[in-house]
Amino acid sequence: MFHPYTFEGPLEKYDFGKYFYHIVYLPSELVKQLPFDQHPKLRMVGEVNGMPYKGAWVPAHGRWYILLSKKTLKKLGVELGDVVTVEFDLDDQNAVDVPSELEDALLDNEDLKEAWEALTPGKRRGHAYRISSAKTAPTRFKRIEELTIELLG
C-alpha cells in the first residue's frame, strides 16, 4: 500500500520515570511537512516494517515519536537499536473506534449519546479504548455502566 511519508529510524528507549517505552522518532525534515501546529498529537495510519500500525505522533521536547508495544516488537522480530521502516499517511484527526457494545448503549440511551458527543475526540478515544481493551464481555459491560454513571451522574 502506498503511504506518502516514509523513513527509516532506530528503535529507541524513552525513559518516563520508572517506566520506559520503545519508540521511533520522526525525522525533523518530515516534522516540517506536517501540521503539528494544528494537531500537536497528529494521528496517523500506516505500517512499521510492513505491519499495519495506527497511532499518533506524540510530542516530547520539540520532537515527535510513535510508541511500539512489546507485543508489536515481538511480532516484528526487532529490539532496541534495530532500524525500522515507517510508512504512513495522516488519519482522520477526529476518528474514534467505538466498540460495538458501546455503540449499542449509545443507540439505546439518548442522554448518554448526547453526553458522549459533547466529549472531545481524545476523551472519547480514551473511554472507547478502556472499554475495548477489556478481555471479557462482562468487564466491557461493567465499564460501559461506569462510563454511563460518570457522564450522566
N, C-alpha and C. Protein backbone atom coordinates (compact mmCIF):
# COMPACT_ATOMS: atom_id res chain seq x y z
N MET A 1 0.84 -1.18 0.00
CA MET A 1 0.00 0.00 0.00
C MET A 1 0.89 1.25 0.00
N PHE A 2 0.51 2.26 -0.75
CA PHE A 2 1.29 3.50 -0.83
C PHE A 2 0.97 4.41 0.34
N HIS A 3 2.01 4.93 0.96
CA HIS A 3 1.89 5.94 2.01
C HIS A 3 2.81 7.10 1.62
N PRO A 4 2.34 8.34 1.71
CA PRO A 4 3.13 9.47 1.23
C PRO A 4 4.36 9.80 2.08
N TYR A 5 4.42 9.33 3.31
CA TYR A 5 5.56 9.63 4.18
C TYR A 5 6.26 8.32 4.53
N THR A 6 7.57 8.27 4.31
CA THR A 6 8.36 7.07 4.57
C THR A 6 9.71 7.48 5.12
N PHE A 7 10.19 6.72 6.10
CA PHE A 7 11.54 6.94 6.62
C PHE A 7 12.01 5.68 7.35
N GLU A 8 13.30 5.64 7.60
CA GLU A 8 13.88 4.58 8.42
C GLU A 8 14.45 5.23 9.66
N GLY A 9 14.25 4.56 10.81
CA GLY A 9 14.77 5.11 12.06
C GLY A 9 15.03 4.01 13.06
N PRO A 10 15.94 4.28 14.00
CA PRO A 10 16.25 3.26 15.01
C PRO A 10 15.17 3.18 16.08
N LEU A 11 15.00 1.99 16.60
CA LEU A 11 14.10 1.76 17.73
C LEU A 11 14.86 2.19 18.97
N GLU A 12 14.30 3.17 19.70
CA GLU A 12 14.97 3.74 20.86
C GLU A 12 14.17 3.52 22.13
N LYS A 13 14.85 3.75 23.24
CA LYS A 13 14.24 3.65 24.56
C LYS A 13 13.93 5.06 25.05
N TYR A 14 12.69 5.28 25.48
CA TYR A 14 12.29 6.59 26.02
C TYR A 14 11.95 6.38 27.49
N ASP A 15 12.79 6.94 28.36
CA ASP A 15 12.57 6.80 29.80
C ASP A 15 11.50 7.78 30.26
N PHE A 16 10.57 7.25 31.04
CA PHE A 16 9.48 8.05 31.58
C PHE A 16 9.34 7.66 33.05
N GLY A 17 10.21 8.28 33.89
CA GLY A 17 10.21 7.92 35.30
C GLY A 17 10.70 6.50 35.47
N LYS A 18 9.94 5.70 36.22
CA LYS A 18 10.35 4.31 36.43
C LYS A 18 9.91 3.40 35.28
N TYR A 19 9.24 3.95 34.29
CA TYR A 19 8.80 3.19 33.12
C TYR A 19 9.63 3.61 31.91
N PHE A 20 9.60 2.79 30.88
CA PHE A 20 10.21 3.20 29.62
C PHE A 20 9.37 2.64 28.47
N TYR A 21 9.51 3.30 27.34
CA TYR A 21 8.77 2.92 26.14
C TYR A 21 9.75 2.65 25.00
N HIS A 22 9.29 1.89 24.03
CA HIS A 22 10.03 1.66 22.80
C HIS A 22 9.44 2.61 21.77
N ILE A 23 10.27 3.44 21.19
CA ILE A 23 9.77 4.48 20.29
C ILE A 23 10.61 4.57 19.02
N VAL A 24 10.03 5.27 18.04
CA VAL A 24 10.75 5.66 16.83
C VAL A 24 10.46 7.15 16.64
N TYR A 25 11.52 7.95 16.56
CA TYR A 25 11.36 9.39 16.36
C TYR A 25 11.10 9.70 14.88
N LEU A 26 10.27 10.70 14.66
CA LEU A 26 10.00 11.22 13.33
C LEU A 26 11.16 12.15 12.94
N PRO A 27 11.77 11.96 11.76
CA PRO A 27 12.87 12.83 11.34
C PRO A 27 12.42 14.29 11.22
N SER A 28 13.33 15.20 11.55
CA SER A 28 13.00 16.64 11.55
C SER A 28 12.53 17.15 10.19
N GLU A 29 13.05 16.57 9.10
CA GLU A 29 12.61 17.04 7.78
C GLU A 29 11.13 16.72 7.53
N LEU A 30 10.62 15.63 8.12
CA LEU A 30 9.20 15.31 8.00
C LEU A 30 8.36 16.15 8.96
N VAL A 31 8.91 16.47 10.12
CA VAL A 31 8.18 17.31 11.08
C VAL A 31 7.76 18.62 10.40
N LYS A 32 8.66 19.18 9.61
CA LYS A 32 8.41 20.46 8.93
C LYS A 32 7.28 20.36 7.91
N GLN A 33 7.00 19.15 7.41
CA GLN A 33 5.98 18.96 6.38
C GLN A 33 4.58 18.70 6.95
N LEU A 34 4.49 18.45 8.25
CA LEU A 34 3.22 18.01 8.84
C LEU A 34 2.59 19.10 9.70
N PRO A 35 1.26 19.10 9.83
CA PRO A 35 0.54 20.18 10.53
C PRO A 35 0.52 20.05 12.07
N PHE A 36 1.71 19.97 12.69
CA PHE A 36 1.77 19.86 14.14
C PHE A 36 1.28 21.13 14.83
N ASP A 37 1.29 22.26 14.13
CA ASP A 37 0.78 23.50 14.72
C ASP A 37 -0.73 23.40 14.95
N GLN A 38 -1.43 22.63 14.14
CA GLN A 38 -2.88 22.44 14.29
C GLN A 38 -3.21 21.23 15.16
N HIS A 39 -2.37 20.21 15.11
CA HIS A 39 -2.62 18.95 15.83
C HIS A 39 -1.32 18.49 16.50
N PRO A 40 -1.06 18.92 17.73
CA PRO A 40 0.19 18.54 18.40
C PRO A 40 0.37 17.02 18.52
N LYS A 41 -0.71 16.27 18.70
CA LYS A 41 -0.65 14.81 18.67
C LYS A 41 -1.32 14.39 17.37
N LEU A 42 -0.55 14.31 16.33
CA LEU A 42 -1.05 14.06 14.99
C LEU A 42 -1.32 12.58 14.77
N ARG A 43 -2.57 12.24 14.49
CA ARG A 43 -2.96 10.85 14.28
C ARG A 43 -2.50 10.38 12.90
N MET A 44 -2.02 9.13 12.87
CA MET A 44 -1.50 8.58 11.62
C MET A 44 -1.93 7.13 11.47
N VAL A 45 -1.85 6.66 10.24
CA VAL A 45 -2.12 5.26 9.93
C VAL A 45 -1.09 4.83 8.89
N GLY A 46 -0.56 3.64 9.05
CA GLY A 46 0.44 3.19 8.11
C GLY A 46 0.98 1.82 8.44
N GLU A 47 2.31 1.68 8.29
CA GLU A 47 2.96 0.39 8.51
C GLU A 47 4.32 0.60 9.15
N VAL A 48 4.71 -0.34 9.99
CA VAL A 48 6.07 -0.40 10.52
C VAL A 48 6.63 -1.74 10.06
N ASN A 49 7.68 -1.67 9.27
CA ASN A 49 8.26 -2.88 8.66
C ASN A 49 7.19 -3.74 7.99
N GLY A 50 6.24 -3.09 7.33
CA GLY A 50 5.19 -3.80 6.60
C GLY A 50 4.01 -4.25 7.43
N MET A 51 4.06 -4.09 8.75
CA MET A 51 2.94 -4.48 9.62
C MET A 51 2.04 -3.27 9.85
N PRO A 52 0.71 -3.44 9.69
CA PRO A 52 -0.20 -2.31 9.90
C PRO A 52 -0.01 -1.66 11.27
N TYR A 53 -0.08 -0.33 11.29
CA TYR A 53 0.10 0.44 12.52
C TYR A 53 -0.83 1.64 12.48
N LYS A 54 -1.44 1.93 13.63
CA LYS A 54 -2.31 3.09 13.75
C LYS A 54 -2.02 3.73 15.09
N GLY A 55 -1.80 5.02 15.11
CA GLY A 55 -1.49 5.68 16.37
C GLY A 55 -1.40 7.18 16.18
N ALA A 56 -0.56 7.79 17.00
CA ALA A 56 -0.38 9.24 16.93
C ALA A 56 1.08 9.58 17.16
N TRP A 57 1.52 10.65 16.52
CA TRP A 57 2.85 11.19 16.79
C TRP A 57 2.75 11.99 18.08
N VAL A 58 3.53 11.60 19.06
CA VAL A 58 3.47 12.18 20.41
C VAL A 58 4.61 13.18 20.55
N PRO A 59 4.30 14.41 21.03
CA PRO A 59 5.36 15.41 21.19
C PRO A 59 6.18 15.17 22.46
N ALA A 60 7.50 15.44 22.36
CA ALA A 60 8.39 15.37 23.51
C ALA A 60 9.62 16.23 23.25
N HIS A 61 9.70 17.35 23.93
CA HIS A 61 10.89 18.21 23.85
C HIS A 61 11.25 18.61 22.42
N GLY A 62 10.24 19.03 21.65
CA GLY A 62 10.49 19.50 20.30
C GLY A 62 10.64 18.42 19.24
N ARG A 63 10.42 17.17 19.64
CA ARG A 63 10.46 16.04 18.70
C ARG A 63 9.16 15.27 18.82
N TRP A 64 8.89 14.40 17.84
CA TRP A 64 7.68 13.57 17.86
C TRP A 64 8.07 12.12 17.67
N TYR A 65 7.33 11.24 18.32
CA TYR A 65 7.62 9.81 18.23
C TYR A 65 6.33 9.00 18.22
N ILE A 66 6.46 7.73 17.77
CA ILE A 66 5.38 6.76 17.92
C ILE A 66 5.86 5.69 18.90
N LEU A 67 4.91 5.11 19.62
CA LEU A 67 5.19 4.04 20.57
C LEU A 67 5.00 2.69 19.89
N LEU A 68 5.89 1.77 20.19
CA LEU A 68 5.73 0.40 19.71
C LEU A 68 5.67 -0.50 20.94
N SER A 69 4.59 -1.26 21.06
CA SER A 69 4.41 -2.14 22.21
C SER A 69 5.37 -3.32 22.15
N LYS A 70 5.56 -3.96 23.30
CA LYS A 70 6.41 -5.16 23.34
C LYS A 70 5.84 -6.24 22.42
N LYS A 71 4.52 -6.33 22.37
CA LYS A 71 3.85 -7.30 21.51
C LYS A 71 4.19 -7.02 20.03
N THR A 72 4.15 -5.74 19.65
CA THR A 72 4.49 -5.36 18.29
C THR A 72 5.94 -5.67 17.98
N LEU A 73 6.83 -5.36 18.92
CA LEU A 73 8.26 -5.64 18.72
C LEU A 73 8.48 -7.13 18.49
N LYS A 74 7.79 -7.95 19.27
CA LYS A 74 7.93 -9.40 19.14
C LYS A 74 7.45 -9.86 17.76
N LYS A 75 6.29 -9.36 17.32
CA LYS A 75 5.77 -9.73 16.00
C LYS A 75 6.73 -9.31 14.89
N LEU A 76 7.35 -8.14 15.06
CA LEU A 76 8.27 -7.64 14.05
C LEU A 76 9.65 -8.30 14.13
N GLY A 77 9.94 -8.91 15.27
CA GLY A 77 11.25 -9.51 15.46
C GLY A 77 12.36 -8.49 15.58
N VAL A 78 12.07 -7.36 16.22
CA VAL A 78 13.07 -6.30 16.38
C VAL A 78 13.28 -6.01 17.86
N GLU A 79 14.39 -5.32 18.13
CA GLU A 79 14.70 -4.93 19.50
C GLU A 79 15.38 -3.56 19.48
N LEU A 80 15.63 -3.01 20.65
CA LEU A 80 16.24 -1.69 20.75
C LEU A 80 17.49 -1.61 19.88
N GLY A 81 17.59 -0.49 19.15
CA GLY A 81 18.74 -0.28 18.28
C GLY A 81 18.51 -0.70 16.84
N ASP A 82 17.58 -1.62 16.61
CA ASP A 82 17.29 -2.04 15.24
C ASP A 82 16.64 -0.89 14.47
N VAL A 83 16.92 -0.83 13.20
CA VAL A 83 16.31 0.18 12.33
C VAL A 83 15.03 -0.39 11.74
N VAL A 84 13.96 0.41 11.81
CA VAL A 84 12.67 0.00 11.24
C VAL A 84 12.26 1.00 10.16
N THR A 85 11.43 0.53 9.25
CA THR A 85 10.88 1.38 8.20
C THR A 85 9.46 1.75 8.59
N VAL A 86 9.20 3.05 8.62
CA VAL A 86 7.88 3.57 8.96
C VAL A 86 7.31 4.25 7.73
N GLU A 87 6.13 3.80 7.32
CA GLU A 87 5.41 4.40 6.19
C GLU A 87 4.05 4.82 6.73
N PHE A 88 3.61 6.05 6.42
CA PHE A 88 2.34 6.49 7.00
C PHE A 88 1.67 7.58 6.18
N ASP A 89 0.42 7.77 6.51
CA ASP A 89 -0.40 8.86 5.99
C ASP A 89 -1.11 9.46 7.19
N LEU A 90 -1.63 10.65 7.03
CA LEU A 90 -2.40 11.26 8.11
C LEU A 90 -3.76 10.58 8.20
N ASP A 91 -4.21 10.40 9.43
CA ASP A 91 -5.51 9.78 9.68
C ASP A 91 -6.51 10.88 10.01
N ASP A 92 -7.77 10.55 10.02
CA ASP A 92 -8.81 11.48 10.45
C ASP A 92 -8.51 11.86 11.89
N GLN A 93 -8.27 13.13 12.15
CA GLN A 93 -7.87 13.58 13.48
C GLN A 93 -8.99 13.49 14.51
N ASN A 94 -10.22 13.33 14.07
CA ASN A 94 -11.35 13.21 15.00
C ASN A 94 -11.92 11.80 15.07
N ALA A 95 -11.28 10.85 14.42
CA ALA A 95 -11.79 9.48 14.38
C ALA A 95 -11.74 8.83 15.76
N VAL A 96 -12.78 8.06 16.06
CA VAL A 96 -12.86 7.29 17.30
C VAL A 96 -13.39 5.91 16.94
N ASP A 97 -12.65 4.86 17.29
CA ASP A 97 -13.11 3.49 17.07
C ASP A 97 -13.96 3.09 18.27
N VAL A 98 -15.28 3.07 18.07
CA VAL A 98 -16.22 2.79 19.15
C VAL A 98 -16.55 1.30 19.15
N PRO A 99 -16.30 0.61 20.29
CA PRO A 99 -16.64 -0.82 20.35
C PRO A 99 -18.15 -1.03 20.19
N SER A 100 -18.53 -2.16 19.61
CA SER A 100 -19.95 -2.42 19.30
C SER A 100 -20.84 -2.35 20.53
N GLU A 101 -20.36 -2.82 21.69
CA GLU A 101 -21.20 -2.77 22.90
C GLU A 101 -21.49 -1.33 23.30
N LEU A 102 -20.50 -0.46 23.15
CA LEU A 102 -20.72 0.96 23.46
C LEU A 102 -21.63 1.60 22.42
N GLU A 103 -21.46 1.24 21.16
CA GLU A 103 -22.35 1.75 20.11
C GLU A 103 -23.81 1.43 20.44
N ASP A 104 -24.06 0.19 20.86
CA ASP A 104 -25.42 -0.23 21.22
C ASP A 104 -25.95 0.59 22.39
N ALA A 105 -25.10 0.82 23.40
CA ALA A 105 -25.52 1.60 24.57
C ALA A 105 -25.85 3.04 24.17
N LEU A 106 -25.08 3.60 23.25
CA LEU A 106 -25.34 4.97 22.80
C LEU A 106 -26.64 5.05 22.01
N LEU A 107 -26.93 4.01 21.23
CA LEU A 107 -28.19 3.99 20.47
C LEU A 107 -29.40 3.83 21.39
N ASP A 108 -29.21 3.11 22.49
CA ASP A 108 -30.32 2.84 23.42
C ASP A 108 -30.58 3.97 24.40
N ASN A 109 -29.63 4.89 24.58
CA ASN A 109 -29.77 5.92 25.61
C ASN A 109 -29.42 7.28 25.01
N GLU A 110 -30.42 8.05 24.67
CA GLU A 110 -30.24 9.35 24.01
C GLU A 110 -29.44 10.32 24.89
N ASP A 111 -29.67 10.30 26.21
CA ASP A 111 -28.91 11.19 27.10
C ASP A 111 -27.43 10.83 27.11
N LEU A 112 -27.15 9.53 27.13
CA LEU A 112 -25.76 9.07 27.09
C LEU A 112 -25.12 9.48 25.77
N LYS A 113 -25.85 9.32 24.68
CA LYS A 113 -25.32 9.68 23.36
C LYS A 113 -24.99 11.17 23.31
N GLU A 114 -25.85 11.99 23.85
CA GLU A 114 -25.63 13.44 23.86
C GLU A 114 -24.40 13.80 24.70
N ALA A 115 -24.27 13.17 25.86
CA ALA A 115 -23.10 13.43 26.72
C ALA A 115 -21.82 12.94 26.05
N TRP A 116 -21.90 11.80 25.38
CA TRP A 116 -20.74 11.24 24.66
C TRP A 116 -20.30 12.20 23.57
N GLU A 117 -21.23 12.71 22.79
CA GLU A 117 -20.90 13.59 21.68
C GLU A 117 -20.35 14.94 22.15
N ALA A 118 -20.62 15.31 23.41
CA ALA A 118 -20.09 16.56 23.96
C ALA A 118 -18.61 16.43 24.34
N LEU A 119 -18.12 15.20 24.46
CA LEU A 119 -16.72 14.97 24.81
C LEU A 119 -15.81 15.28 23.62
N THR A 120 -14.57 15.63 23.90
CA THR A 120 -13.60 15.82 22.82
C THR A 120 -13.27 14.46 22.19
N PRO A 121 -12.81 14.44 20.95
CA PRO A 121 -12.43 13.15 20.35
C PRO A 121 -11.39 12.40 21.19
N GLY A 122 -10.46 13.12 21.78
CA GLY A 122 -9.45 12.47 22.60
C GLY A 122 -10.03 11.78 23.82
N LYS A 123 -10.98 12.42 24.49
CA LYS A 123 -11.63 11.80 25.65
C LYS A 123 -12.46 10.60 25.21
N ARG A 124 -13.14 10.73 24.06
CA ARG A 124 -13.92 9.59 23.55
C ARG A 124 -13.00 8.41 23.23
N ARG A 125 -11.84 8.70 22.60
CA ARG A 125 -10.90 7.62 22.29
C ARG A 125 -10.44 6.93 23.56
N GLY A 126 -10.16 7.70 24.61
CA GLY A 126 -9.72 7.12 25.87
C GLY A 126 -10.76 6.20 26.48
N HIS A 127 -12.01 6.67 26.52
CA HIS A 127 -13.10 5.84 27.06
C HIS A 127 -13.32 4.60 26.19
N ALA A 128 -13.30 4.79 24.87
CA ALA A 128 -13.52 3.65 23.97
C ALA A 128 -12.42 2.62 24.13
N TYR A 129 -11.19 3.08 24.27
CA TYR A 129 -10.08 2.14 24.45
C TYR A 129 -10.23 1.37 25.76
N ARG A 130 -10.60 2.06 26.83
CA ARG A 130 -10.77 1.39 28.13
C ARG A 130 -11.80 0.27 28.02
N ILE A 131 -12.86 0.51 27.27
CA ILE A 131 -13.90 -0.50 27.11
C ILE A 131 -13.42 -1.62 26.19
N SER A 132 -12.86 -1.27 25.06
CA SER A 132 -12.47 -2.31 24.09
C SER A 132 -11.29 -3.15 24.57
N SER A 133 -10.49 -2.62 25.49
CA SER A 133 -9.32 -3.38 25.97
C SER A 133 -9.69 -4.42 27.02
N ALA A 134 -10.94 -4.41 27.50
CA ALA A 134 -11.37 -5.42 28.46
C ALA A 134 -11.37 -6.78 27.78
N LYS A 135 -10.91 -7.79 28.50
CA LYS A 135 -10.79 -9.12 27.91
C LYS A 135 -12.10 -9.90 27.85
N THR A 136 -13.08 -9.55 28.69
CA THR A 136 -14.33 -10.29 28.71
C THR A 136 -15.52 -9.37 28.52
N ALA A 137 -16.59 -9.92 28.00
CA ALA A 137 -17.82 -9.14 27.80
C ALA A 137 -18.35 -8.56 29.11
N PRO A 138 -18.39 -9.33 30.21
CA PRO A 138 -18.88 -8.74 31.46
C PRO A 138 -18.07 -7.51 31.89
N THR A 139 -16.77 -7.54 31.68
CA THR A 139 -15.95 -6.38 32.04
C THR A 139 -16.25 -5.20 31.13
N ARG A 140 -16.45 -5.46 29.83
CA ARG A 140 -16.79 -4.37 28.91
C ARG A 140 -18.11 -3.72 29.33
N PHE A 141 -19.11 -4.55 29.67
CA PHE A 141 -20.40 -4.00 30.09
C PHE A 141 -20.29 -3.25 31.41
N LYS A 142 -19.46 -3.73 32.32
CA LYS A 142 -19.23 -3.04 33.60
C LYS A 142 -18.62 -1.67 33.33
N ARG A 143 -17.67 -1.61 32.41
CA ARG A 143 -17.02 -0.33 32.08
C ARG A 143 -17.98 0.63 31.37
N ILE A 144 -18.89 0.09 30.57
CA ILE A 144 -19.92 0.95 29.95
C ILE A 144 -20.83 1.51 31.03
N GLU A 145 -21.18 0.70 32.00
CA GLU A 145 -22.00 1.16 33.13
C GLU A 145 -21.28 2.26 33.91
N GLU A 146 -19.99 2.09 34.15
CA GLU A 146 -19.20 3.10 34.86
C GLU A 146 -19.14 4.39 34.05
N LEU A 147 -18.98 4.28 32.74
CA LEU A 147 -18.96 5.46 31.87
C LEU A 147 -20.31 6.17 31.92
N THR A 148 -21.38 5.41 31.89
CA THR A 148 -22.72 6.00 31.95
C THR A 148 -22.90 6.79 33.24
N ILE A 149 -22.48 6.22 34.35
CA ILE A 149 -22.58 6.92 35.64
C ILE A 149 -21.72 8.19 35.62
N GLU A 150 -20.51 8.07 35.08
CA GLU A 150 -19.61 9.23 35.02
C GLU A 150 -20.20 10.36 34.19
N LEU A 151 -20.79 10.02 33.04
CA LEU A 151 -21.29 11.06 32.15
C LEU A 151 -22.66 11.60 32.54
N LEU A 152 -23.48 10.75 33.16
CA LEU A 152 -24.86 11.18 33.48
C LEU A 152 -25.08 11.44 34.97
N GLY A 153 -24.13 11.05 35.80
CA GLY A 153 -24.25 11.34 37.24
C GLY A 153 -25.03 10.36 38.03
